[in-house]
Amino acid sequence: MKVISAKEVEALFNDGKKLNIIDVRDVNEVEAGKIPGAVNIPLGLVEFRMHELDKSKEYIMVCRSGGRSGRATQFLESYGFNVINMAGGMLAWEGTVE
């Protein structure tokens, strides 16, 4: 499983790179703030919504601490998606939130 740090994601974000971020936290968790532009697909719905994703794109998976996003990363990898887990999740994120 590929992993990226929150600092690396923040640097890419601040450089204006187009990132495809999937936040797998529950809706009520996301309401407290998410990385700008992140799409919320709760972990329990990833299997049912993966048809919305494009296998030619790279996705960064995010959750609260990195555990659920790690499971989502492994699951999507098994279906041929290019996914990276953000280590430490939102607890490690120091950038802006929306």
Protein backbone atom coordinates (compact mmCIF):
# COMPACT_ATOMS: atom_id res chain seq x y z
CA MET A 1 0.00 0.00 0.00
CA LYS A 2 1.32 3.41 -0.98
CA VAL A 3 1.38 6.01 1.80
CA ILE A 4 1.78 9.80 1.78
CA SER A 5 2.18 12.08 4.78
CA ALA A 6 -0.26 14.88 5.59
CA LYS A 7 2.65 17.34 5.18
CA GLU A 8 3.32 16.04 1.65
CA VAL A 9 -0.37 16.36 0.73
CA GLU A 10 -0.46 19.88 2.18
CA ALA A 11 2.63 20.85 0.13
CA LEU A 12 1.05 19.52 -3.07
CA PHE A 13 -2.21 21.30 -2.21
CA ASN A 14 -0.39 24.59 -1.53
CA ASP A 15 1.50 24.27 -4.83
CA GLY A 16 -1.86 24.25 -6.62
CA LYS A 17 -1.63 20.61 -7.75
CA LYS A 18 -5.01 19.10 -8.66
CA LEU A 19 -5.59 16.42 -6.03
CA ASN A 20 -8.33 13.80 -5.98
CA ILE A 21 -9.00 13.38 -2.28
CA ILE A 22 -11.56 10.92 -0.95
CA ASP A 23 -12.55 11.41 2.70
CA VAL A 24 -13.95 8.12 4.05
CA ARG A 25 -15.11 9.49 7.40
CA ASP A 26 -18.78 9.53 8.35
CA VAL A 27 -20.84 12.55 7.26
CA ASN A 28 -21.02 13.95 10.81
CA GLU A 29 -17.21 13.82 11.10
CA VAL A 30 -16.76 15.64 7.79
CA GLU A 31 -19.12 18.41 8.93
CA ALA A 32 -16.42 19.44 11.43
CA GLY A 33 -14.11 20.20 8.50
CA LYS A 34 -12.46 18.52 5.53
CA ILE A 35 -9.61 19.21 3.15
CA PRO A 36 -10.93 21.70 0.56
CA GLY A 37 -12.18 19.87 -2.52
CA ALA A 38 -12.25 16.45 -0.86
CA VAL A 39 -15.16 14.19 -1.79
CA ASN A 40 -16.87 12.41 1.09
CA ILE A 41 -17.53 8.72 0.52
CA PRO A 42 -18.00 7.06 3.95
CA LEU A 43 -16.02 3.83 4.26
CA GLY A 44 -19.18 1.70 4.33
CA LEU A 45 -20.23 3.12 0.94
CA VAL A 46 -16.90 2.84 -0.92
CA GLU A 47 -17.81 -0.55 -2.38
CA PHE A 48 -21.12 0.82 -3.70
CA ARG A 49 -19.73 4.11 -5.03
CA MET A 50 -16.42 2.98 -6.55
CA HIS A 51 -18.09 3.12 -9.98
CA GLU A 52 -17.90 6.93 -9.57
CA LEU A 53 -14.08 6.75 -9.54
CA ASP A 54 -11.77 6.74 -12.57
CA LYS A 55 -9.03 4.09 -12.66
CA SER A 56 -6.82 6.44 -14.71
CA LYS A 57 -6.68 8.95 -11.82
CA GLU A 58 -4.74 8.87 -8.58
CA TYR A 59 -6.74 9.19 -5.36
CA ILE A 60 -5.57 10.15 -1.89
CA MET A 61 -7.62 8.45 0.80
CA VAL A 62 -8.23 10.30 4.10
CA CYS A 63 -9.97 9.53 7.39
CA ARG A 64 -9.55 10.64 11.00
CA SER A 65 -6.30 8.83 11.82
CA GLY A 66 -5.38 6.70 8.80
CA GLY A 67 -6.97 3.35 9.72
CA ARG A 68 -10.22 3.49 7.75
CA SER A 69 -8.54 5.16 4.81
CA GLY A 70 -5.96 2.35 4.88
CA ARG A 71 -8.74 -0.22 4.59
CA ALA A 72 -10.33 1.77 1.75
CA THR A 73 -6.93 2.01 0.02
CA GLN A 74 -6.38 -1.75 0.21
CA PHE A 75 -9.92 -2.45 -0.99
CA LEU A 76 -9.70 -0.09 -3.99
CA GLU A 77 -6.19 -1.34 -4.85
CA SER A 78 -7.61 -4.84 -5.10
CA TYR A 79 -9.93 -3.53 -7.84
CA GLY A 80 -7.10 -1.89 -9.77
CA PHE A 81 -7.43 1.70 -8.57
CA ASN A 82 -4.38 3.96 -8.09
CA VAL A 83 -4.80 4.98 -4.44
CA ILE A 84 -2.57 6.35 -1.68
CA ASN A 85 -3.33 6.40 2.04
CA MET A 86 -2.70 9.69 3.89
CA ALA A 87 -0.87 8.61 7.05
CA GLY A 88 -2.18 10.13 10.26
CA GLY A 89 -5.42 11.27 8.68
CA MET A 90 -7.07 14.54 9.64
CA LEU A 91 -5.38 14.39 13.05
CA ALA A 92 -2.10 15.06 11.20
CA TRP A 93 -3.56 17.66 8.80
CA GLU A 94 -2.42 21.20 9.57
CA GLY A 95 -3.66 22.84 6.37
CA THR A 96 -6.89 24.71 5.71
CA VAL A 97 -10.26 23.00 6.05
CA GLU A 98 -13.69 23.76 4.66
